[in-house]
Protein backbone atom coordinates (compact mmCIF):
# COMPACT_ATOMS: atom_id res chain seq x y z
CA MET A 1 -0.01 0.01 -0.01
CA GLY A 2 1.42 3.38 -0.97
CA GLY A 3 1.84 6.37 1.25
CA CYS A 4 1.87 10.09 0.44
CA LYS A 5 3.61 10.92 -2.85
CA GLY A 6 4.01 7.22 -3.54
CA LYS A 7 6.27 6.55 -0.55
CA PRO A 8 5.87 3.03 0.96
CA VAL A 9 4.41 2.81 4.45
CA LYS A 10 5.81 0.22 6.79
CA GLU A 11 3.35 -2.22 8.34
CA GLY A 12 2.09 -1.01 11.72
CA VAL A 13 3.62 2.47 11.33
CA LYS A 14 1.17 5.38 11.45
CA GLU A 15 1.62 8.11 8.85
CA PRO A 16 2.41 11.45 10.58
CA THR A 17 -0.22 14.12 10.36
CA ALA A 18 0.51 17.53 8.84
CA LYS A 19 0.38 19.02 12.36
CA GLU A 20 2.92 16.49 13.60
CA GLU A 21 5.18 17.15 10.63
CA ALA A 22 5.12 20.85 11.40
CA LYS A 23 6.49 20.08 14.86
CA SER A 24 9.27 17.82 13.62
CA PRO A 25 12.93 18.87 13.98
CA ALA A 26 13.28 19.22 10.25
CA ALA A 27 10.40 21.68 10.10
CA ALA A 28 11.80 23.65 13.06
CA GLU A 29 15.14 24.30 11.31
CA GLU A 30 16.18 27.93 11.05
CA PRO A 31 15.59 29.50 7.60
CA LYS A 32 18.73 29.56 5.49
CA MET A 33 20.69 32.76 5.02
CA ILE A 34 19.98 34.35 1.68
CA ALA A 35 23.06 36.60 1.75
CA ASN A 36 26.25 37.19 3.69
CA ILE A 37 26.16 40.93 4.19
CA GLU A 38 28.39 42.35 6.88
CA VAL A 39 26.64 45.19 8.73
CA TYR A 40 29.09 47.47 10.53
CA GLY A 41 27.63 49.33 13.49
CA VAL A 42 26.35 49.05 17.04
CA THR A 43 22.97 47.98 18.41
CA VAL A 44 22.51 51.14 20.42
CA SER A 45 22.69 53.30 17.30
CA MET A 46 19.22 53.94 15.93
CA ASN A 47 20.78 54.80 12.55
CA CYS A 48 22.34 51.33 12.41
CA LEU A 49 19.31 49.41 13.61
CA GLY A 50 17.28 49.58 10.39
CA ALA A 51 19.97 47.63 8.52
CA ILE A 52 20.54 45.30 11.47
CA MET A 53 16.84 44.47 11.77
CA ILE A 54 16.44 43.72 8.06
CA ALA A 55 19.52 41.52 8.09
CA ASN A 56 18.07 39.73 11.08
CA GLN A 57 14.47 39.39 9.90
CA GLU A 58 15.26 38.51 6.28
CA LYS A 59 18.40 36.39 7.03
CA MET A 60 20.72 38.54 4.99
CA GLY A 61 23.86 38.69 7.05
CA LYS A 62 25.60 39.41 10.35
CA LEU A 63 26.52 42.34 12.54
CA VAL A 64 30.16 43.34 12.73
CA PRO A 65 30.32 45.35 15.95
CA THR A 66 32.00 48.67 15.09
CA MET A 67 32.06 51.51 17.55
CA PRO A 68 32.15 55.07 16.19
CA GLY A 69 35.09 56.92 17.67
CA GLN A 70 38.10 59.11 17.09
CA ASN A 71 40.95 56.87 18.24
CA PRO A 72 43.23 56.30 15.23
CA GLY A 73 43.30 52.67 14.12
CA GLU A 74 40.17 51.69 16.06
CA GLY A 75 36.48 51.33 15.28
CA THR A 76 35.41 53.52 12.39
CA LEU A 77 39.01 54.73 12.01
CA ALA A 78 40.46 51.25 11.63
CA PRO A 79 42.20 50.74 8.24
CA GLU A 80 39.95 47.77 7.35
CA PHE A 81 36.80 49.82 8.08
CA LEU A 82 37.98 52.86 6.10
CA LYS A 83 38.16 50.57 3.05
CA VAL A 84 34.42 50.04 3.49
CA ASN A 85 33.51 53.65 4.30
CA PRO A 86 36.18 56.35 3.94
CA PHE A 87 33.82 58.85 5.61
CA HIS A 88 34.31 56.89 8.89
CA GLY A 89 30.71 56.64 10.01
CA VAL A 90 28.28 53.80 10.81
CA PRO A 91 26.17 52.16 9.56
CA ALA A 92 28.10 50.69 6.64
CA ILE A 93 27.86 47.37 4.89
CA LYS A 94 29.97 45.05 2.78
CA ASP A 95 28.35 42.59 0.42
CA GLY A 96 31.07 40.83 -1.58
CA GLU A 97 32.70 43.60 -3.60
CA VAL A 98 29.98 46.13 -2.81
CA CYS A 99 30.70 48.57 0.03
CA LEU A 100 28.15 51.14 1.05
CA ALA A 101 27.32 53.72 3.72
CA GLU A 102 24.45 56.11 4.59
CA SER A 103 21.56 54.42 6.33
CA ASN A 104 18.86 55.15 3.74
CA ALA A 105 21.11 54.01 0.87
CA ILE A 106 21.89 50.80 2.73
CA LEU A 107 18.21 50.02 3.25
CA ARG A 108 17.50 50.60 -0.43
CA TYR A 109 20.32 48.31 -1.48
CA MET A 110 19.55 45.46 0.92
CA SER A 111 15.88 45.39 -0.08
CA GLY A 112 16.53 46.02 -3.75
CA LYS A 113 18.87 43.04 -4.07
CA TYR A 114 17.43 40.56 -1.59
CA ALA A 115 13.89 41.61 -0.49
CA GLU A 116 12.02 43.48 -3.23
CA LYS A 117 8.80 43.07 -1.26
CA LEU A 118 10.06 45.86 1.04
CA TYR A 119 10.45 48.48 -1.70
CA LEU A 120 10.91 47.76 -5.40
CA GLY A 121 8.13 45.20 -5.49
CA LEU A 122 5.58 47.79 -4.42
CA GLU A 123 3.62 50.00 -6.80
CA LYS A 124 5.17 53.29 -7.95
CA GLN A 125 3.15 55.55 -5.66
CA ARG A 126 4.25 53.49 -2.65
CA ARG A 127 7.88 53.59 -3.70
CA ALA A 128 7.67 57.37 -3.99
CA HIS A 129 5.76 57.61 -0.68
CA ILE A 130 8.51 55.53 0.96
CA ASP A 131 11.31 57.70 -0.49
CA TRP A 132 9.50 60.85 0.60
CA ALA A 133 8.95 59.51 4.14
CA MET A 134 12.57 58.43 4.57
CA ASP A 135 13.98 61.75 3.39
CA LYS A 136 11.47 63.80 5.35
CA PHE A 137 12.29 61.94 8.57
CA ALA A 138 16.02 62.44 7.98
CA SER A 139 15.78 66.12 7.02
CA THR A 140 13.22 67.18 9.62
CA LEU A 141 12.65 64.78 12.51
CA TYR A 142 16.24 63.65 13.05
CA ALA A 143 17.23 66.98 14.56
CA ASP A 144 14.56 66.37 17.24
CA VAL A 145 16.10 62.98 17.92
CA LEU A 146 19.35 64.71 18.82
CA ASP A 147 17.61 67.01 21.30
CA CYS A 148 15.18 64.53 22.83
CA LEU A 149 16.60 60.99 22.56
CA TYR A 150 20.39 61.38 22.46
CA PRO A 151 20.52 63.19 25.84
CA VAL A 152 18.57 60.34 27.47
CA LEU A 153 20.94 57.82 25.87
CA GLY A 154 23.87 59.82 27.19
CA PHE A 155 25.21 60.63 23.71
CA ARG A 156 25.03 64.44 24.10
CA SER A 157 23.93 67.20 26.45
CA ALA A 158 20.33 68.23 26.80
CA PRO A 159 19.16 71.42 25.05
CA ALA A 160 18.77 74.62 27.07
CA ASP A 161 14.97 74.43 26.84
CA GLN A 162 13.92 70.80 27.01
CA GLU A 163 10.24 71.67 27.24
CA ALA A 164 10.40 73.49 23.86
CA ALA A 165 12.47 70.74 22.30
CA GLY A 166 9.92 68.12 23.51
CA LYS A 167 6.99 70.12 22.17
CA LYS A 168 8.66 70.47 18.76
CA ALA A 169 9.41 66.75 18.63
CA THR A 170 5.84 65.91 19.63
CA GLU A 171 4.46 68.06 16.86
CA GLY A 172 6.86 66.59 14.35
CA LEU A 173 5.85 63.03 15.25
CA GLN A 174 2.18 63.84 14.98
CA LYS A 175 2.67 65.53 11.60
CA PHE A 176 4.67 62.57 10.30
CA ALA A 177 1.98 60.19 11.43
CA ASP A 178 -0.75 62.32 9.82
CA VAL A 179 1.05 62.34 6.44
CA PHE A 180 2.76 58.97 6.25
CA LEU A 181 0.82 56.61 8.52
CA THR A 182 -2.66 56.86 7.01
CA GLU A 183 -2.43 53.08 6.46
CA LYS A 184 -1.11 50.35 8.75
CA PHE A 185 2.52 50.95 7.74
CA ILE A 186 4.27 53.54 5.57
CA GLY A 187 4.32 50.94 2.84
CA GLY A 188 0.61 50.20 3.24
CA LYS A 189 -0.57 46.83 4.57
CA VAL A 190 2.99 45.41 4.57
CA LEU A 191 6.36 46.53 5.93
CA SER A 192 8.72 48.60 3.83
CA ILE A 193 12.23 49.97 4.28
CA ALA A 194 10.71 53.23 5.52
CA ASP A 195 9.17 51.36 8.46
CA TYR A 196 12.52 49.76 9.24
CA LYS A 197 14.03 53.26 9.09
CA VAL A 198 11.71 54.92 11.58
CA ALA A 199 10.98 51.97 13.92
CA PRO A 200 14.07 52.26 16.15
CA PHE A 201 13.40 55.94 16.79
CA PHE A 202 9.68 55.40 17.43
CA PHE A 203 10.48 52.53 19.80
CA ALA A 204 12.94 54.76 21.69
CA TYR A 205 10.40 57.57 21.99
CA ALA A 206 7.98 55.04 23.51
CA HIS A 207 10.37 54.01 26.30
CA PRO A 208 8.68 54.39 29.72
CA LYS A 209 11.18 57.03 30.92
CA VAL A 210 11.70 59.05 27.77
CA LYS A 211 8.47 61.05 28.14
CA GLU A 212 9.41 62.10 31.66
CA ILE A 213 12.92 63.21 30.70
CA SER A 214 12.54 64.49 27.13
CA LYS A 215 9.02 65.95 27.49
CA VAL A 216 7.93 64.21 24.27
CA GLU A 217 4.30 63.08 24.15
CA ILE A 218 4.37 60.20 21.72
CA PRO A 219 1.17 60.19 19.60
CA GLU A 220 -1.22 57.25 19.88
CA ARG A 221 -0.72 56.53 16.19
CA ILE A 222 3.01 56.02 16.74
CA LYS A 223 2.28 53.69 19.69
CA GLN A 224 -0.01 51.65 17.43
CA PHE A 225 2.71 51.52 14.80
CA ASN A 226 5.16 50.12 17.35
CA PHE A 227 2.82 47.25 18.26
CA ASP A 228 2.12 46.54 14.60
CA PHE A 229 5.79 46.60 13.67
CA LYS A 230 6.74 44.20 16.43
CA ALA A 231 4.03 41.78 15.32
CA ALA A 232 5.15 41.96 11.68
CA CYS A 233 8.90 41.80 12.41
CA PRO A 234 9.36 39.48 15.42
CA GLU A 235 12.99 38.54 14.66
CA GLY A 236 14.08 42.04 13.80
CA THR A 237 12.61 43.72 16.86
CA LYS A 238 14.50 41.47 19.27
CA VAL A 239 17.47 43.78 18.93
CA LEU A 240 15.27 46.70 20.04
CA VAL A 241 13.96 45.21 23.27
CA GLU A 242 16.09 42.24 24.33
CA GLY A 243 19.43 42.49 26.16
CA GLU A 244 21.36 45.28 27.81
CA MET A 245 22.68 46.59 24.48
CA SER A 246 19.28 46.84 22.88
CA ILE A 247 17.61 50.27 22.69
CA LYS A 248 15.37 49.38 25.63
CA GLY A 249 18.15 47.74 27.60
CA PHE A 250 20.50 50.70 27.11
CA LEU A 251 17.77 53.20 28.05
CA ASP A 252 16.85 51.07 31.10
CA GLY A 253 20.44 51.29 32.27
CA LYS A 254 20.53 55.03 31.78
CA THR A 255 17.20 55.71 33.49
CA ASP A 256 16.96 52.84 36.04
CA ASN A 257 13.74 51.74 34.41
CA LYS A 258 12.11 48.46 35.49
CA ASP A 259 8.89 48.71 33.48
CA PRO A 260 8.25 46.60 30.36
CA MET A 261 7.67 47.92 26.84
CA LEU A 262 5.21 46.95 24.14
CA GLU A 263 2.89 45.11 26.45
CA ALA A 264 -0.90 45.50 26.47
CA LYS A 265 -1.38 48.73 28.40
CA GLU A 266 -2.86 52.18 28.00
CA GLY A 267 -5.89 50.69 26.21
CA PHE A 268 -3.96 48.50 23.77
CA LYS A 269 -4.84 44.81 23.47
CA GLU A 270 -2.22 43.11 21.35
CA ALA A 271 -4.48 40.20 20.40
CA ASN A 272 -6.88 42.59 18.66
CA LEU A 273 -4.26 44.84 17.02
CA ALA A 274 -4.25 43.14 13.63
CA GLN A 275 -8.02 43.14 13.35
CA GLU A 276 -8.28 46.75 14.48
CA ALA A 277 -5.58 47.87 12.06
CA ALA A 278 -7.15 45.99 9.19
CA THR A 279 -10.44 47.81 9.59
CA ALA A 280 -8.64 51.15 9.76
CA VAL A 281 -6.65 50.64 6.59
CA MET A 282 -7.61 52.81 3.64
CA ASP A 283 -5.69 51.97 0.46
CA PHE A 284 -5.65 55.60 -0.65
CA LEU A 285 -2.31 55.64 -2.51
CA SER A 286 -3.63 53.41 -5.30
CA ASN A 287 -6.28 55.98 -6.06
CA LEU A 288 -3.71 58.78 -6.60
CA THR A 289 -3.28 58.17 -10.32
CA THR A 290 -0.41 59.76 -12.20
CA GLY A 291 -0.84 61.94 -15.25
CA GLY A 292 2.10 61.02 -17.46
CA LYS A 293 5.27 62.63 -18.73
CA GLY A 294 3.69 65.81 -20.02
CA ASP A 295 1.61 66.41 -16.90
CA VAL A 296 4.46 66.68 -14.39
CA LYS A 297 4.91 70.00 -12.58
CA ILE A 298 7.79 71.02 -10.33
CA TYR A 299 6.95 73.85 -7.97
CA GLY A 300 9.82 76.14 -6.98
CA VAL A 301 12.07 79.05 -7.94
CA THR A 302 15.17 79.24 -10.12
CA VAL A 303 17.33 80.69 -7.39
CA SER A 304 16.82 77.63 -5.14
CA MET A 305 19.53 75.00 -5.51
CA ASN A 306 17.21 72.37 -3.98
CA CYS A 307 14.68 73.08 -6.76
CA MET A 308 17.12 73.28 -9.64
CA GLY A 309 18.16 69.60 -9.57
CA PRO A 310 14.63 68.34 -10.35
CA VAL A 311 13.90 71.29 -12.65
CA VAL A 312 16.98 70.79 -14.80
CA LEU A 313 16.33 67.03 -14.98
CA GLN A 314 12.77 67.96 -16.05
CA LYS A 315 14.02 70.26 -18.81
CA HIS A 316 16.75 67.81 -19.88
CA CYS A 317 14.28 64.93 -20.31
CA GLY A 318 11.19 66.85 -21.38
CA VAL A 319 9.17 65.91 -18.32
CA GLY A 320 6.50 68.57 -17.87
CA ASP A 321 7.13 72.17 -16.77
CA MET A 322 8.18 74.23 -13.77
CA GLU A 323 5.51 76.17 -11.86
CA VAL A 324 6.85 79.23 -9.95
CA CYS A 325 6.17 78.98 -6.24
CA MET A 326 7.90 81.27 -3.77
CA PRO A 327 9.01 79.67 -0.50
CA GLY A 328 7.27 81.22 2.45
CA GLU A 329 3.82 82.70 1.97
CA GLN A 330 3.06 80.88 -1.28
CA SER A 331 4.46 77.52 -0.24
CA GLN A 332 2.55 77.71 3.03
CA ALA A 333 -0.76 78.70 1.47
CA PRO A 334 -3.68 76.34 2.23
CA GLU A 335 -4.16 75.34 -1.42
CA TYR A 336 -0.50 74.51 -1.77
CA LYS A 337 -0.39 72.56 1.49
CA ALA A 338 -3.40 70.57 0.34
CA MET A 339 -1.01 69.10 -2.23
CA PHE A 340 2.17 69.22 -0.14
CA PRO A 341 1.29 68.97 3.58
CA TYR A 342 4.67 70.24 4.79
CA GLY A 343 4.70 73.20 2.42
CA GLY A 344 8.12 74.25 1.15
CA ILE A 345 9.77 73.71 -2.20
CA PRO A 346 10.42 71.77 -4.38
CA GLY A 347 7.13 69.90 -4.80
CA LEU A 348 6.17 67.51 -7.59
CA LYS A 349 2.67 67.00 -8.94
CA ASP A 350 2.01 64.22 -11.47
CA GLY A 351 -1.70 63.85 -12.04
CA LYS A 352 -3.20 63.31 -8.61
CA TRP A 353 0.12 62.20 -7.14
CA CYS A 354 2.02 64.86 -5.11
CA MET A 355 5.25 64.60 -3.16
CA SER A 356 8.17 66.63 -1.77
CA GLU A 357 11.89 66.30 -0.92
CA SER A 358 14.30 66.93 -3.79
CA CYS A 359 16.14 63.54 -3.76
CA ALA A 360 12.84 61.65 -3.52
CA ILE A 361 11.57 63.65 -6.49
CA LEU A 362 14.68 62.89 -8.51
CA ARG A 363 14.28 59.17 -7.82
CA TYR A 364 10.58 59.28 -8.82
CA MET A 365 11.17 61.17 -12.05
CA ALA A 366 14.00 58.90 -13.16
CA ARG A 367 12.14 55.65 -12.35
CA GLU A 368 9.02 56.83 -14.18
CA TYR A 369 10.38 58.86 -17.08
CA ALA A 370 14.18 58.58 -17.41
CA GLU A 371 15.37 55.13 -16.31
CA GLU A 372 18.83 55.68 -17.81
CA LEU A 373 19.54 58.21 -15.05
CA TYR A 374 18.95 55.66 -12.28
CA PRO A 375 20.08 52.23 -13.51
CA LYS A 376 18.45 49.14 -12.01
CA ASP A 377 21.72 47.25 -11.35
CA PRO A 378 21.87 47.09 -7.49
CA ALA A 379 25.55 47.97 -7.20
CA LYS A 380 25.34 50.96 -9.57
CA ARG A 381 22.14 52.22 -8.00
CA ALA A 382 23.65 51.86 -4.53
CA HIS A 383 26.63 54.03 -5.50
CA LEU A 384 24.24 56.74 -6.73
CA ASP A 385 22.12 56.49 -3.60
CA TRP A 386 25.23 56.78 -1.43
CA ALA A 387 26.37 59.87 -3.38
CA LEU A 388 22.94 61.48 -3.09
CA ASP A 389 22.60 60.87 0.60
CA ARG A 390 26.18 61.75 1.44
CA PHE A 391 25.67 65.17 -0.14
CA ASN A 392 22.11 65.66 1.07
CA PHE A 393 22.72 64.73 4.66
CA GLY A 394 26.48 65.07 5.15
CA MET A 395 27.25 68.26 3.25
CA TYR A 396 24.08 70.38 3.09
CA ASN A 397 24.84 72.34 6.22
CA ASP A 398 28.11 73.43 4.67
CA CYS A 399 26.05 74.98 1.88
CA THR A 400 23.92 76.94 4.31
CA SER A 401 26.95 78.28 6.18
CA THR A 402 28.71 79.44 3.00
CA ILE A 403 26.61 79.70 -0.16
CA TYR A 404 23.51 80.93 1.66
CA VAL A 405 25.63 83.48 3.54
CA ALA A 406 27.00 84.76 0.21
CA MET A 407 23.45 84.97 -1.15
CA GLY A 408 22.27 86.83 1.89
CA PHE A 409 19.80 84.11 2.86
CA ALA A 410 21.65 83.31 6.11
CA PRO A 411 23.52 85.72 8.41
CA ALA A 412 27.28 85.68 8.49
CA PRO A 413 28.83 84.75 11.85
CA GLU A 414 30.00 87.68 13.95
CA LYS A 415 33.64 86.57 13.92
CA GLU A 416 35.48 86.27 10.60
CA GLU A 417 37.46 83.28 11.90
CA ASP A 418 34.16 81.38 12.23
CA LEU A 419 33.33 82.10 8.59
CA LYS A 420 36.80 81.02 7.58
CA ALA A 421 36.35 77.83 9.52
CA ALA A 422 33.04 77.20 7.71
CA GLY A 423 34.75 77.82 4.37
CA LYS A 424 37.59 75.46 5.22
CA LYS A 425 35.15 72.75 6.24
CA ALA A 426 33.15 73.16 3.05
CA SER A 427 36.34 73.06 0.97
CA GLU A 428 37.54 69.88 2.64
CA GLY A 429 34.12 68.28 2.18
CA LEU A 430 34.12 69.09 -1.53
CA LYS A 431 37.56 67.56 -2.02
CA GLU A 432 36.65 64.47 -0.02
CA TYR A 433 33.47 64.06 -2.06
CA ALA A 434 35.22 64.59 -5.38
CA ASP A 435 38.04 62.14 -4.48
CA PHE A 436 35.55 59.35 -3.76
CA PHE A 437 32.49 59.95 -6.00
CA LEU A 438 34.08 61.64 -9.03
CA LYS A 439 36.74 59.18 -10.01
CA GLU A 440 35.08 59.11 -13.40
CA LYS A 441 33.55 61.88 -15.50
CA PHE A 442 30.30 61.84 -13.50
CA VAL A 443 29.14 60.16 -10.30
CA GLY A 444 27.71 57.21 -12.18
CA GLY A 445 30.59 56.90 -14.67
CA THR A 446 30.68 58.36 -18.17
CA VAL A 447 26.99 59.26 -18.33
CA LEU A 448 24.69 61.47 -16.27
CA SER A 449 22.70 60.20 -13.30
CA ILE A 450 20.28 61.67 -10.77
CA ALA A 451 23.21 62.21 -8.39
CA ASP A 452 24.80 64.62 -10.87
CA PHE A 453 21.55 66.57 -11.16
CA LYS A 454 21.41 66.86 -7.35
CA ILE A 455 24.92 68.22 -6.85
CA ALA A 456 25.26 70.33 -10.03
CA PRO A 457 23.39 73.47 -8.77
CA PHE A 458 25.37 73.52 -5.54
CA PHE A 459 28.72 72.95 -7.25
CA CYS A 460 27.92 75.77 -9.67
CA ALA A 461 27.22 78.12 -6.75
CA TYR A 462 30.36 77.04 -4.92
CA ALA A 463 32.40 77.96 -8.01
CA HIS A 464 31.07 81.53 -8.06
CA GLN A 465 33.74 84.13 -7.20
CA ARG A 466 31.56 85.70 -4.52
CA VAL A 467 31.44 82.48 -2.50
CA LYS A 468 35.23 82.27 -2.62
CA ASP A 469 35.75 85.90 -1.71
CA LYS A 470 33.14 86.20 1.00
CA CYS A 471 33.17 82.70 2.53
CA PHE A 472 36.77 81.57 1.88
CA VAL A 473 35.73 78.44 -0.07
CA GLU A 474 38.39 76.87 -2.28
CA VAL A 475 36.71 74.73 -4.93
CA PRO A 476 38.83 71.75 -6.11
CA GLU A 477 39.79 71.64 -9.76
CA ARG A 478 37.91 68.35 -10.03
CA ILE A 479 34.66 70.12 -9.14
CA LEU A 480 35.33 72.92 -11.67
CA GLN A 481 35.86 70.29 -14.35
CA PHE A 482 32.63 68.54 -13.32
CA ASN A 483 30.76 71.83 -13.80
CA LYS A 484 32.08 72.14 -17.38
CA ASP A 485 31.29 68.53 -18.18
CA PHE A 486 27.79 68.80 -16.74
CA LEU A 487 26.93 71.87 -18.76
CA GLU A 488 28.23 70.22 -21.94
CA ALA A 489 26.22 67.05 -21.29
CA CYS A 490 23.13 68.98 -20.10
CA PRO A 491 22.69 72.32 -21.87
CA SER A 492 19.57 72.94 -19.81
CA ALA A 493 21.93 73.69 -16.93
CA LYS A 494 22.38 77.15 -18.48
CA ILE A 495 19.49 78.09 -16.17
CA PHE A 496 21.99 78.12 -13.33
CA SER A 497 23.49 81.34 -14.81
CA GLU A 498 20.64 82.78 -16.93
CA ALA A 499 17.01 82.71 -15.81
CA GLU A 500 13.95 84.80 -16.34
CA GLY A 501 14.05 88.05 -14.40
CA GLY A 502 17.73 87.58 -13.63
CA MET A 503 16.82 85.10 -10.90
CA SER A 504 19.34 82.41 -11.62
CA ILE A 505 21.77 81.22 -8.97
CA CYS A 506 24.74 83.00 -10.51
CA GLU A 507 22.84 86.16 -11.41
CA PHE A 508 21.58 86.47 -7.85
CA LEU A 509 25.12 86.14 -6.51
CA ASP A 510 26.26 88.76 -9.05
CA SER A 511 23.54 91.15 -7.87
CA LYS A 512 24.69 90.81 -4.28
CA THR A 513 28.25 91.79 -5.20
CA ALA A 514 27.01 94.70 -7.35
CA ALA A 515 24.82 95.98 -4.52
CA GLU A 516 27.76 95.92 -2.12
CA ASN A 517 29.89 97.78 -4.68
CA GLY A 518 27.21 100.37 -5.29
CA THR A 519 26.87 99.41 -8.96
CA GLY A 520 23.64 97.43 -8.85
CA GLU A 521 20.01 98.39 -9.41
CA PRO A 522 17.89 99.18 -6.35
CA ALA A 523 16.12 96.11 -5.01
CA SER A 524 12.59 95.69 -6.28
CA ALA A 525 9.64 94.58 -4.20
CA GLU A 526 9.92 91.20 -5.90
CA ASP A 527 13.62 90.99 -4.99
CA ILE A 528 12.89 91.80 -1.37
CA ALA A 529 10.07 89.22 -1.22
CA LEU A 530 12.33 86.56 -2.72
CA GLN A 531 15.08 87.46 -0.25
CA GLU A 532 12.73 87.08 2.72
CA ALA A 533 11.25 83.88 1.33
CA MET A 534 14.58 82.21 0.74
CA GLU A 535 15.68 82.97 4.27
CA THR A 536 13.19 80.33 5.40
CA GLU A 537 14.83 77.74 3.17
CA ALA A 538 18.23 78.62 4.63
CA GLN A 539 16.96 77.78 8.14
CA LYS A 540 16.78 74.08 7.26
CA ASP A 541 19.17 72.16 9.46
CA VAL A 542 20.15 68.72 8.21
CA VAL A 543 22.11 66.28 10.36
CA THR A 544 24.22 63.51 8.91
CA LEU A 545 22.67 60.05 9.23
CA GLN A 546 26.03 58.42 9.94
CA ASP A 547 27.13 58.18 13.55
CA LYS A 548 30.63 59.51 14.10
CA GLY A 549 32.34 59.36 17.43
CA PRO A 550 32.85 59.95 20.13
CA THR A 551 29.12 59.70 20.53
CA ILE A 552 28.73 56.90 23.09
CA ASP A 553 29.87 57.56 26.65
CA ASN A 554 31.12 54.09 27.44
CA THR A 555 33.34 53.13 24.51
CA SER A 556 34.24 49.89 26.31
CA ALA A 557 30.62 48.81 26.55
CA PRO A 558 30.04 45.24 25.41
CA MET A 559 28.61 44.74 21.95
CA CYS A 560 26.91 41.62 20.75
CA GLY A 561 27.61 40.45 17.20
CA CYS A 562 24.83 37.90 17.26
CA MET A 563 22.00 38.39 14.76
CA GLY A 564 19.83 35.70 16.21
């Protein structure tokens, strides 16, 4: 007599049931690793934890404990680590020959190559929503983390006014939830890389002692997200709540906390969370249909370097038109914020789909209308993502302290030596960037990519004589050559120096020098309005998403390399 699948059954031996088979040792075996990525970082770094959790949950690799610090030859300054990330920050990863840094770029690479369900496998509106959420968190909410979470962790001093800092963080969390958590997760009904990005920070905010110390009132929607994330990512979240070097364990040690986290309290019943969340889900993103290549609008002004990357790509590829929108009153108007809830520029509208954040817009436009600018090969795309995020998060503040000062959008420091120091720092950053990312003609090699469109407006401004004279910036020859090559490959970049109304980047800088020399035209009402409006853009404070030391008090603290 034959058994299942034709296998013979021995006389007197009962065939195991499906339930019994599920309990067998073979069925209980751990899932096999699908990759051997080395994740460099520490489990008490929230920037590192997104990559660590994905590696853990999806069986992609292992943690290589690497402490950020400034001791030569150790941690992030060890020779072997600098081969992975010459900018000496964590997180960083190594996957065979691929080395990569910047937390958002790492999450995109890991999911793009090994877990498309977390990003690339989702529909285009969701991918864009994810990109927007990740960049918005990094550019806006991360500064609140430094003021409200890092002091509790012991990584830096508390701000002078903790009440004000806590109120600002609370409002930022609520706004983020209102915009990006209209469904169960940022990615909709399923987890995405954006959820892995924000989860460590949201978990830390929910620690029993953080509210008392940081004065942050964590919104109910964020609490719900934490429960949902833990249920959807049981292996990944272990590193958040288990052990003394988890986020919870480390905060417990700093605050003498004995209370549990993520248990059914304050009205939450974990057994009913999935059902409650399912009834609350509204699949609204799918209804935001796009209009097509000719229907794309970029809202902004020609004097804004953040706007000019998307606008020049738009002109270069024939993707719609620019719509003038002044930062400030216009970008905060109710009808504008109905499209772009945070206000500000640039903003992209494609049919019913609207989004913000310049790098997220560049990614969207290239994926939808100019694929050659953002190649699908994981290694090539990772290099571009690294270059984008390195500039956007690691170098943007240098622009505000030099270029924006030269433009009059930001005040110059009282002491000239401080301005010289800012110029020196910007100069060194430009050389470091060029040495690593511009080994070929462009960031992506011999052809243009979205990374080149991002940096080109800023590099053009840096090369202006006024920035050198006023802010002591020395632009490397390699950057000057890039500027020539970019203009030759992309004639639309002429808008950097010639724009309607004389409102290009270079013309605006020229006008500032002429006004100081007494040779310029009197400022018009439009000029004054633009000046005031752009001052709001210059107030943006971006913090690098790589942890550099010394940031952790106890550099001898034990670190666990286990990903289990």
